[in-house]
C-alpha atoms as a PDB file:
ATOM      1  CA  MET A   1     -44.906  -2.782  21.941  1.00  0.00           C
ATOM      2  CA  LYS A   2     -46.515  -2.605  18.503  1.00  0.00           C
ATOM      3  CA  PHE A   3     -44.574  -2.198  15.282  1.00  0.00           C
ATOM      4  CA  ARG A   4     -46.023  -0.273  12.394  1.00  0.00           C
ATOM      5  CA  PRO A   5     -46.071  -2.140   9.044  1.00  0.00           C
ATOM      6  CA  GLY A   6     -43.431   0.267   7.707  1.00  0.00           C
ATOM      7  CA  TRP A   7     -40.984  -0.754  10.455  1.00  0.00           C
ATOM      8  CA  VAL A   8     -41.372  -4.430   9.577  1.00  0.00           C
ATOM      9  CA  SER A   9     -40.651  -3.684   5.931  1.00  0.00           C
ATOM     10  CA  HIS A  10     -37.519  -1.695   6.840  1.00  0.00           C
ATOM     11  CA  LEU A  11     -36.358  -4.488   9.118  1.00  0.00           C
ATOM     12  CA  TRP A  12     -36.674  -7.099   6.381  1.00  0.00           C
ATOM     13  CA  ARG A  13     -34.817  -4.842   3.959  1.00  0.00           C
ATOM     14  CA  LEU A  14     -32.024  -4.371   6.480  1.00  0.00           C
ATOM     15  CA  LEU A  15     -31.735  -8.113   7.076  1.00  0.00           C
ATOM     16  CA  ALA A  16     -31.711  -8.756   3.319  1.00  0.00           C
ATOM     17  CA  LEU A  17     -28.986  -6.145   2.860  1.00  0.00           C
ATOM     18  CA  LEU A  18     -26.874  -7.691   5.620  1.00  0.00           C
ATOM     19  CA  LEU A  19     -27.303 -11.146   4.093  1.00  0.00           C
ATOM     20  CA  LEU A  20     -26.332  -9.917   0.620  1.00  0.00           C
ATOM     21  CA  SER A  21     -23.282  -8.140   2.070  1.00  0.00           C
ATOM     22  CA  ALA A  22     -22.174 -11.301   3.848  1.00  0.00           C
ATOM     23  CA  LEU A  23     -22.607 -13.360   0.671  1.00  0.00           C
ATOM     24  CA  ALA A  24     -20.692 -10.772  -1.363  1.00  0.00           C
ATOM     25  CA  LEU A  25     -17.841 -10.891   1.136  1.00  0.00           C
ATOM     26  CA  GLN A  26     -17.659 -14.677   0.883  1.00  0.00           C
ATOM     27  CA  LEU A  27     -17.613 -14.409  -2.909  1.00  0.00           C
ATOM     28  CA  VAL A  28     -14.695 -11.953  -2.740  1.00  0.00           C
ATOM     29  CA  PHE A  29     -12.806 -14.318  -0.440  1.00  0.00           C
ATOM     30  CA  ALA A  30     -13.511 -17.261  -2.749  1.00  0.00           C
ATOM     31  CA  LEU A  31     -12.278 -15.333  -5.800  1.00  0.00           C
ATOM     32  CA  ARG A  32      -9.087 -14.289  -4.008  1.00  0.00           C
ATOM     33  CA  ILE A  33      -8.395 -17.852  -2.912  1.00  0.00           C
ATOM     34  CA  GLY A  34      -9.191 -19.211  -6.368  1.00  0.00           C
ATOM     35  CA  LEU A  35      -6.676 -16.777  -7.863  1.00  0.00           C
ATOM     36  CA  MET A  36      -4.013 -18.272  -5.583  1.00  0.00           C
ATOM     37  CA  THR A  37      -4.073 -21.463  -7.636  1.00  0.00           C
ATOM     38  CA  VAL A  38      -1.919 -19.604 -10.171  1.00  0.00           C
ATOM     39  CA  VAL A  39      -0.758 -16.422  -8.420  1.00  0.00           C
ATOM     40  CA  ASP A  40       1.495 -16.432  -5.355  1.00  0.00           C
ATOM     41  CA  PRO A  41       0.160 -14.110  -2.632  1.00  0.00           C
ATOM     42  CA  GLN A  42       2.673 -11.317  -2.108  1.00  0.00           C
ATOM     43  CA  SER A  43       1.703 -10.708   1.521  1.00  0.00           C
ATOM     44  CA  THR A  44      -0.806 -11.729   4.155  1.00  0.00           C
ATOM     45  CA  ALA A  45      -3.018  -9.737   6.518  1.00  0.00           C
ATOM     46  CA  PHE A  46      -0.817 -10.872   9.406  1.00  0.00           C
ATOM     47  CA  GLN A  47       2.392  -9.780   7.656  1.00  0.00           C
ATOM     48  CA  ARG A  48       1.001  -6.340   6.872  1.00  0.00           C
ATOM     49  CA  SER A  49      -0.103  -5.929  10.484  1.00  0.00           C
ATOM     50  CA  GLU A  50       3.357  -6.977  11.725  1.00  0.00           C
ATOM     51  CA  ALA A  51       5.084  -4.649   9.245  1.00  0.00           C
ATOM     52  CA  TRP A  52       3.012  -1.709  10.494  1.00  0.00           C
ATOM     53  CA  GLN A  53       3.778  -2.552  14.106  1.00  0.00           C
ATOM     54  CA  LEU A  54       7.514  -2.815  13.398  1.00  0.00           C
ATOM     55  CA  LEU A  55       7.388   0.458  11.485  1.00  0.00           C
ATOM     56  CA  THR A  56       5.824   2.267  14.440  1.00  0.00           C
ATOM     57  CA  GLU A  57       8.288   0.691  16.894  1.00  0.00           C
ATOM     58  CA  HIS A  58      11.534   0.948  14.884  1.00  0.00           C
ATOM     59  CA  GLY A  59      10.784   3.669  12.359  1.00  0.00           C
ATOM     60  CA  ARG A  60      11.414   1.309   9.435  1.00  0.00           C
ATOM     61  CA  ILE A  61       9.886  -1.803   7.923  1.00  0.00           C
ATOM     62  CA  LEU A  62      11.669  -5.041   8.845  1.00  0.00           C
ATOM     63  CA  TRP A  63      10.621  -7.624   6.295  1.00  0.00           C
ATOM     64  CA  ARG A  64      12.707 -10.522   5.002  1.00  0.00           C
ATOM     65  CA  GLN A  65      10.913 -12.848   2.627  1.00  0.00           C
ATOM     66  CA  ASP A  66      11.841 -14.676  -0.585  1.00  0.00           C
ATOM     67  CA  TRP A  67       9.174 -16.811  -2.217  1.00  0.00           C
ATOM     68  CA  VAL A  68      10.425 -20.193  -3.415  1.00  0.00           C
ATOM     69  CA  ALA A  69       8.488 -22.839  -5.315  1.00  0.00           C
ATOM     70  CA  ASP A  70       7.383 -26.049  -3.642  1.00  0.00           C
ATOM     71  CA  ASP A  71      10.238 -28.074  -5.171  1.00  0.00           C
ATOM     72  CA  ARG A  72      12.764 -25.639  -3.671  1.00  0.00           C
ATOM     73  CA  ILE A  73      11.607 -26.283  -0.105  1.00  0.00           C
ATOM     74  CA  SER A  74      13.237 -29.220   1.637  1.00  0.00           C
ATOM     75  CA  ASN A  75      10.972 -32.211   2.203  1.00  0.00           C
ATOM     76  CA  HIS A  76      12.612 -32.381   5.622  1.00  0.00           C
ATOM     77  CA  LEU A  77      11.038 -29.025   6.478  1.00  0.00           C
ATOM     78  CA  LYS A  78       7.644 -30.078   5.167  1.00  0.00           C
ATOM     79  CA  ARG A  79       7.710 -33.245   7.254  1.00  0.00           C
ATOM     80  CA  ALA A  80       9.010 -31.413  10.328  1.00  0.00           C
ATOM     81  CA  VAL A  81       6.286 -28.762  10.196  1.00  0.00           C
ATOM     82  CA  ILE A  82       3.537 -31.327   9.679  1.00  0.00           C
ATOM     83  CA  ALA A  83       4.905 -33.509  12.499  1.00  0.00           C
ATOM     84  CA  SER A  84       5.035 -30.511  14.831  1.00  0.00           C
ATOM     85  CA  GLU A  85       1.948 -28.526  13.843  1.00  0.00           C
ATOM     86  CA  ASP A  86      -0.612 -30.835  12.248  1.00  0.00           C
ATOM     87  CA  ALA A  87       0.104 -34.576  12.125  1.00  0.00           C
ATOM     88  CA  GLY A  88      -3.154 -35.330  10.304  1.00  0.00           C
ATOM     89  CA  PHE A  89      -2.665 -32.667   7.628  1.00  0.00           C
ATOM     90  CA  ALA A  90      -2.665 -35.059   4.663  1.00  0.00           C
ATOM     91  CA  ASP A  91      -5.890 -36.761   5.766  1.00  0.00           C
ATOM     92  CA  HIS A  92      -8.265 -34.232   7.343  1.00  0.00           C
ATOM     93  CA  SER A  93     -10.596 -31.890   5.466  1.00  0.00           C
ATOM     94  CA  GLY A  94      -9.106 -28.753   6.994  1.00  0.00           C
ATOM     95  CA  VAL A  95     -10.531 -28.896  10.521  1.00  0.00           C
ATOM     96  CA  GLU A  96      -9.942 -31.394  13.313  1.00  0.00           C
ATOM     97  CA  TRP A  97     -12.970 -31.017  15.544  1.00  0.00           C
ATOM     98  CA  ASP A  98     -11.593 -33.239  18.315  1.00  0.00           C
ATOM     99  CA  ALA A  99      -8.516 -31.009  18.607  1.00  0.00           C
ATOM    100  CA  ILE A 100     -10.686 -27.887  18.775  1.00  0.00           C
ATOM    101  CA  GLU A 101     -12.847 -29.436  21.503  1.00  0.00           C
ATOM    102  CA  LYS A 102      -9.805 -30.463  23.557  1.00  0.00           C
ATOM    103  CA  ALA A 103      -8.235 -27.018  23.170  1.00  0.00           C
ATOM    104  CA  TRP A 104     -11.487 -25.365  24.259  1.00  0.00           C
ATOM    105  CA  GLU A 105     -11.673 -27.560  27.368  1.00  0.00           C
ATOM    106  CA  ARG A 106      -8.034 -26.838  28.268  1.00  0.00           C
ATOM    107  CA  ASN A 107      -8.593 -23.098  27.804  1.00  0.00           C
ATOM    108  CA  GLN A 108     -11.684 -23.214  30.011  1.00  0.00           C
ATOM    109  CA  ARG A 109      -9.676 -24.858  32.791  1.00  0.00           C
ATOM    110  CA  ALA A 110      -6.836 -22.346  32.348  1.00  0.00           C
ATOM    111  CA  GLU A 111      -9.235 -19.413  32.591  1.00  0.00           C
ATOM    112  CA  GLU A 112     -10.872 -20.882  35.701  1.00  0.00           C
ATOM    113  CA  ARG A 113      -7.474 -21.327  37.386  1.00  0.00           C
ATOM    114  CA  ALA A 114      -6.510 -17.760  36.494  1.00  0.00           C
ATOM    115  CA  ALA A 115      -9.810 -16.439  37.895  1.00  0.00           C
ATOM    116  CA  ARG A 116      -9.323 -18.304  41.189  1.00  0.00           C
ATOM    117  CA  GLN A 117      -5.786 -16.989  41.543  1.00  0.00           C
ATOM    118  CA  ALA A 118      -6.957 -13.469  40.728  1.00  0.00           C
ATOM    119  CA  GLN A 119      -9.449 -13.679  43.604  1.00  0.00           C
ATOM    120  CA  ARG A 120      -6.688 -14.701  46.010  1.00  0.00           C
ATOM    121  CA  GLN A 121      -4.054 -12.273  44.726  1.00  0.00           C
ATOM    122  CA  PRO A 122      -5.694  -9.476  42.687  1.00  0.00           C
ATOM    123  CA  GLU A 123      -2.400  -7.587  42.408  1.00  0.00           C
ATOM    124  CA  ARG A 124      -0.760 -10.604  40.753  1.00  0.00           C
ATOM    125  CA  ALA A 125      -3.598 -11.745  38.527  1.00  0.00           C
ATOM    126  CA  PRO A 126      -2.104 -13.972  35.797  1.00  0.00           C
ATOM    127  CA  GLN A 127      -3.081 -14.106  32.164  1.00  0.00           C
ATOM    128  CA  PRO A 128      -4.392 -17.585  31.315  1.00  0.00           C
ATOM    129  CA  LYS A 129      -2.155 -19.506  28.905  1.00  0.00           C
ATOM    130  CA  LEU A 130      -4.457 -20.385  26.034  1.00  0.00           C
ATOM    131  CA  VAL A 131      -3.783 -23.087  23.450  1.00  0.00           C
ATOM    132  CA  GLY A 132      -5.146 -23.540  19.956  1.00  0.00           C
ATOM    133  CA  GLY A 133      -6.403 -26.558  18.068  1.00  0.00           C
ATOM    134  CA  SER A 134      -5.896 -25.097  14.616  1.00  0.00           C
ATOM    135  CA  THR A 135      -4.685 -27.097  11.639  1.00  0.00           C
ATOM    136  CA  ILE A 136      -2.156 -25.765   9.138  1.00  0.00           C
ATOM    137  CA  THR A 137      -5.041 -24.839   6.826  1.00  0.00           C
ATOM    138  CA  GLN A 138      -6.803 -22.902   9.590  1.00  0.00           C
ATOM    139  CA  GLN A 139      -3.590 -21.064  10.454  1.00  0.00           C
ATOM    140  CA  LEU A 140      -3.175 -20.111   6.804  1.00  0.00           C
ATOM    141  CA  ALA A 141      -6.800 -18.963   6.546  1.00  0.00           C
ATOM    142  CA  LYS A 142      -6.386 -16.741   9.600  1.00  0.00           C
ATOM    143  CA  ASN A 143      -3.030 -15.262   8.578  1.00  0.00           C
ATOM    144  CA  LEU A 144      -3.912 -14.726   4.917  1.00  0.00           C
ATOM    145  CA  LEU A 145      -7.126 -12.778   5.159  1.00  0.00           C
ATOM    146  CA  LEU A 146      -8.236 -12.101   8.741  1.00  0.00           C
ATOM    147  CA  SER A 147      -7.389  -9.862  11.670  1.00  0.00           C
ATOM    148  CA  GLY A 148      -5.908 -11.200  14.873  1.00  0.00           C
ATOM    149  CA  GLU A 149      -8.970 -10.547  17.047  1.00  0.00           C
ATOM    150  CA  ARG A 150     -10.509 -13.442  18.979  1.00  0.00           C
ATOM    151  CA  THR A 151     -14.277 -13.450  18.455  1.00  0.00           C
ATOM    152  CA  VAL A 152     -16.859 -16.084  17.634  1.00  0.00           C
ATOM    153  CA  LEU A 153     -17.669 -14.289  14.372  1.00  0.00           C
ATOM    154  CA  ARG A 154     -14.016 -14.249  13.283  1.00  0.00           C
ATOM    155  CA  LYS A 155     -13.653 -17.934  14.178  1.00  0.00           C
ATOM    156  CA  GLY A 156     -16.680 -18.750  12.050  1.00  0.00           C
ATOM    157  CA  GLN A 157     -15.180 -16.842   9.129  1.00  0.00           C
ATOM    158  CA  GLU A 158     -11.914 -18.723   9.643  1.00  0.00           C
ATOM    159  CA  LEU A 159     -13.726 -22.047   9.306  1.00  0.00           C
ATOM    160  CA  LEU A 160     -15.415 -20.931   6.087  1.00  0.00           C
ATOM    161  CA  LEU A 161     -12.092 -19.799   4.625  1.00  0.00           C
ATOM    162  CA  THR A 162     -10.529 -23.099   5.677  1.00  0.00           C
ATOM    163  CA  LEU A 163     -13.125 -25.025   3.665  1.00  0.00           C
ATOM    164  CA  MET A 164     -12.545 -22.723   0.681  1.00  0.00           C
ATOM    165  CA  LEU A 165      -8.781 -23.285   0.838  1.00  0.00           C
ATOM    166  CA  GLU A 166      -9.169 -27.055   1.004  1.00  0.00           C
ATOM    167  CA  THR A 167     -11.698 -27.090  -1.845  1.00  0.00           C
ATOM    168  CA  LEU A 168     -10.030 -24.651  -4.238  1.00  0.00           C
ATOM    169  CA  LEU A 169      -6.299 -25.155  -3.647  1.00  0.00           C
ATOM    170  CA  GLY A 170      -5.545 -28.636  -2.356  1.00  0.00           C
ATOM    171  CA  LYS A 171      -3.018 -29.788   0.229  1.00  0.00           C
ATOM    172  CA  GLN A 172       0.233 -29.293  -1.690  1.00  0.00           C
ATOM    173  CA  ARG A 173      -0.548 -25.695  -2.627  1.00  0.00           C
ATOM    174  CA  ILE A 174      -1.802 -24.920   0.889  1.00  0.00           C
ATOM    175  CA  LEU A 175       1.463 -26.166   2.379  1.00  0.00           C
ATOM    176  CA  GLU A 176       3.514 -24.242  -0.201  1.00  0.00           C
ATOM    177  CA  ILE A 177       1.739 -20.952   0.581  1.00  0.00           C
ATOM    178  CA  TYR A 178       1.914 -21.601   4.330  1.00  0.00           C
ATOM    179  CA  LEU A 179       5.666 -22.298   4.314  1.00  0.00           C
ATOM    180  CA  ASN A 180       6.361 -19.223   2.206  1.00  0.00           C
ATOM    181  CA  ASN A 181       4.458 -16.848   4.491  1.00  0.00           C
ATOM    182  CA  VAL A 182       4.602 -18.148   8.057  1.00  0.00           C
ATOM    183  CA  GLU A 183       6.503 -16.038  10.619  1.00  0.00           C
ATOM    184  CA  TRP A 184       9.899 -17.320  11.830  1.00  0.00           C
ATOM    185  CA  GLY A 185      11.087 -14.319  13.819  1.00  0.00           C
ATOM    186  CA  GLU A 186      10.751 -10.558  13.942  1.00  0.00           C
ATOM    187  CA  GLY A 187      10.309  -9.550  10.312  1.00  0.00           C
ATOM    188  CA  VAL A 188      11.349 -13.008   9.078  1.00  0.00           C
ATOM    189  CA  PHE A 189       8.705 -14.646   6.886  1.00  0.00           C
ATOM    190  CA  GLY A 190       8.832 -17.855   4.908  1.00  0.00           C
ATOM    191  CA  ALA A 191      11.084 -20.886   4.665  1.00  0.00           C
ATOM    192  CA  GLN A 192      13.781 -19.324   2.485  1.00  0.00           C
ATOM    193  CA  ALA A 193      14.254 -16.259   4.708  1.00  0.00           C
ATOM    194  CA  ALA A 194      14.278 -18.453   7.834  1.00  0.00           C
ATOM    195  CA  ALA A 195      16.815 -20.911   6.392  1.00  0.00           C
ATOM    196  CA  ARG A 196      19.135 -18.053   5.399  1.00  0.00           C
ATOM    197  CA  HIS A 197      18.624 -16.186   8.690  1.00  0.00           C
ATOM    198  CA  TYR A 198      19.304 -19.082  11.060  1.00  0.00           C
ATOM    199  CA  PHE A 199      21.508 -21.489   9.081  1.00  0.00           C
ATOM    200  CA  ARG A 200      22.915 -19.548   6.088  1.00  0.00           C
ATOM    201  CA  VAL A 201      21.572 -22.133   3.645  1.00  0.00           C
ATOM    202  CA  ASP A 202      18.731 -22.212   1.141  1.00  0.00           C
ATOM    203  CA  ALA A 203      15.410 -23.762   2.121  1.00  0.00           C
ATOM    204  CA  ALA A 204      16.083 -26.645  -0.281  1.00  0.00           C
ATOM    205  CA  ARG A 205      19.266 -27.618   1.601  1.00  0.00           C
ATOM    206  CA  LEU A 206      17.924 -27.784   5.164  1.00  0.00           C
ATOM    207  CA  SER A 207      18.964 -30.923   7.032  1.00  0.00           C
ATOM    208  CA  PRO A 208      16.463 -32.932   9.099  1.00  0.00           C
ATOM    209  CA  LEU A 209      17.708 -31.413  12.364  1.00  0.00           C
ATOM    210  CA  GLN A 210      17.741 -27.854  10.986  1.00  0.00           C
ATOM    211  CA  ALA A 211      14.218 -28.350   9.656  1.00  0.00           C
ATOM    212  CA  ALA A 212      13.052 -29.684  13.014  1.00  0.00           C
ATOM    213  CA  ARG A 213      14.551 -26.692  14.827  1.00  0.00           C
ATOM    214  CA  LEU A 214      12.624 -24.329  12.573  1.00  0.00           C
ATOM    215  CA  ALA A 215       9.422 -26.309  13.155  1.00  0.00           C
ATOM    216  CA  VAL A 216       9.876 -26.011  16.936  1.00  0.00           C
ATOM    217  CA  MET A 217       9.909 -22.218  16.629  1.00  0.00           C
ATOM    218  CA  LEU A 218       6.535 -21.851  14.906  1.00  0.00           C
ATOM    219  CA  PRO A 219       4.232 -21.531  17.940  1.00  0.00           C
ATOM    220  CA  ALA A 220       6.301 -18.611  19.312  1.00  0.00           C
ATOM    221  CA  PRO A 221       8.911 -17.535  16.744  1.00  0.00           C
ATOM    222  CA  LYS A 222       9.805 -14.200  18.330  1.00  0.00           C
ATOM    223  CA  ARG A 223      10.466 -15.843  21.690  1.00  0.00           C
ATOM    224  CA  PHE A 224      12.512 -18.706  20.271  1.00  0.00           C
ATOM    225  CA  GLU A 225      14.430 -16.337  17.976  1.00  0.00           C
ATOM    226  CA  LYS A 226      16.174 -14.964  21.065  1.00  0.00           C
ATOM    227  CA  ARG A 227      17.367 -18.450  22.091  1.00  0.00           C
ATOM    228  CA  PRO A 228      17.343 -20.684  18.994  1.00  0.00           C
ATOM    229  CA  GLY A 229      19.891 -23.019  20.578  1.00  0.00           C
ATOM    230  CA  SER A 230      18.108 -23.499  23.919  1.00  0.00           C
ATOM    231  CA  ALA A 231      17.810 -26.885  25.584  1.00  0.00           C
ATOM    232  CA  TYR A 232      14.065 -26.902  24.949  1.00  0.00           C
ATOM    233  CA  VAL A 233      14.483 -26.282  21.219  1.00  0.00           C
ATOM    234  CA  ALA A 234      17.148 -28.999  20.984  1.00  0.00           C
ATOM    235  CA  GLY A 235      15.075 -31.556  22.895  1.00  0.00           C
ATOM    236  CA  ARG A 236      11.858 -30.816  21.059  1.00  0.00           C
ATOM    237  CA  ALA A 237      13.688 -30.888  17.710  1.00  0.00           C
ATOM    238  CA  ALA A 238      15.019 -34.375  18.474  1.00  0.00           C
ATOM    239  CA  THR A 239      11.459 -35.543  19.134  1.00  0.00           C
ATOM    240  CA  ILE A 240      10.257 -34.086  15.834  1.00  0.00           C
ATOM    241  CA  VAL A 241      13.125 -35.717  13.904  1.00  0.00           C
ATOM    242  CA  ALA A 242      12.041 -39.073  15.324  1.00  0.00           C
ATOM    243  CA  ARG A 243       8.487 -38.490  14.059  1.00  0.00           C
ATOM    244  CA  MET A 244       9.367 -37.186  10.608  1.00  0.00           C
ATOM    245  CA  GLY A 245       9.866 -40.617   9.048  1.00  0.00           C
ATOM    246  CA  GLY A 246       6.200 -41.456   9.538  1.00  0.00           C
ATOM    247  CA  VAL A 247       4.865 -38.235   8.009  1.00  0.00           C
ATOM    248  CA  GLU A 248       2.990 -38.509   4.725  1.00  0.00           C
ATOM    249  CA  LEU A 249       3.494 -35.582   2.354  1.00  0.00           C
ATOM    250  CA  PRO A 250       0.588 -34.351   0.204  1.00  0.00           C
END
């Protein structure tokens, strides 16, 4: 198949336009992140998506969130979340490649097991239980600015945003924004709202065990919200408390 010279010219123009659009998008992201050095983000892409879903399900917006400064969040909670979610947070550059590789291998095995079981029992085909290898910075990058879809392109954008966050904000600010926006139950966002919702105290007054219990909930807050005092939560919280003493804060 032969291309006319005009087609080649149009193709190059299209590629140049796509490249410029991608660069412009990255510049917008960088400017928004840079602004967060002095301006607290009022909401995240994930929160807005959750608010819309709750509005369609319940007919009203369920949203509890009170931003508090870094010095009004208990160090116990900071240590508990790092111990539970990202033990190397203070040292890595935003991404832990070994953790991503291990998570990918575990997910491959889970998908293979699910496929084999689906062949044996099509009517009871299970959904593979997938795990993530994301750091706190990656979680923040995803929740702040991206959709919840799972694609290679979105993952690549997440990595770029992670590097921007680490470069422009620094660890302490990243942790502050993360703790003020992360989900801790249906319509419950941020450390202050979670502390008031579950323990009737301010985020600054959380005890080590209370902080550890909140940290346990993070992978599946809506599920654990229904049974915050379960044996699993209590046992896992005790493990996190034992690790908290060795956590270095940024």
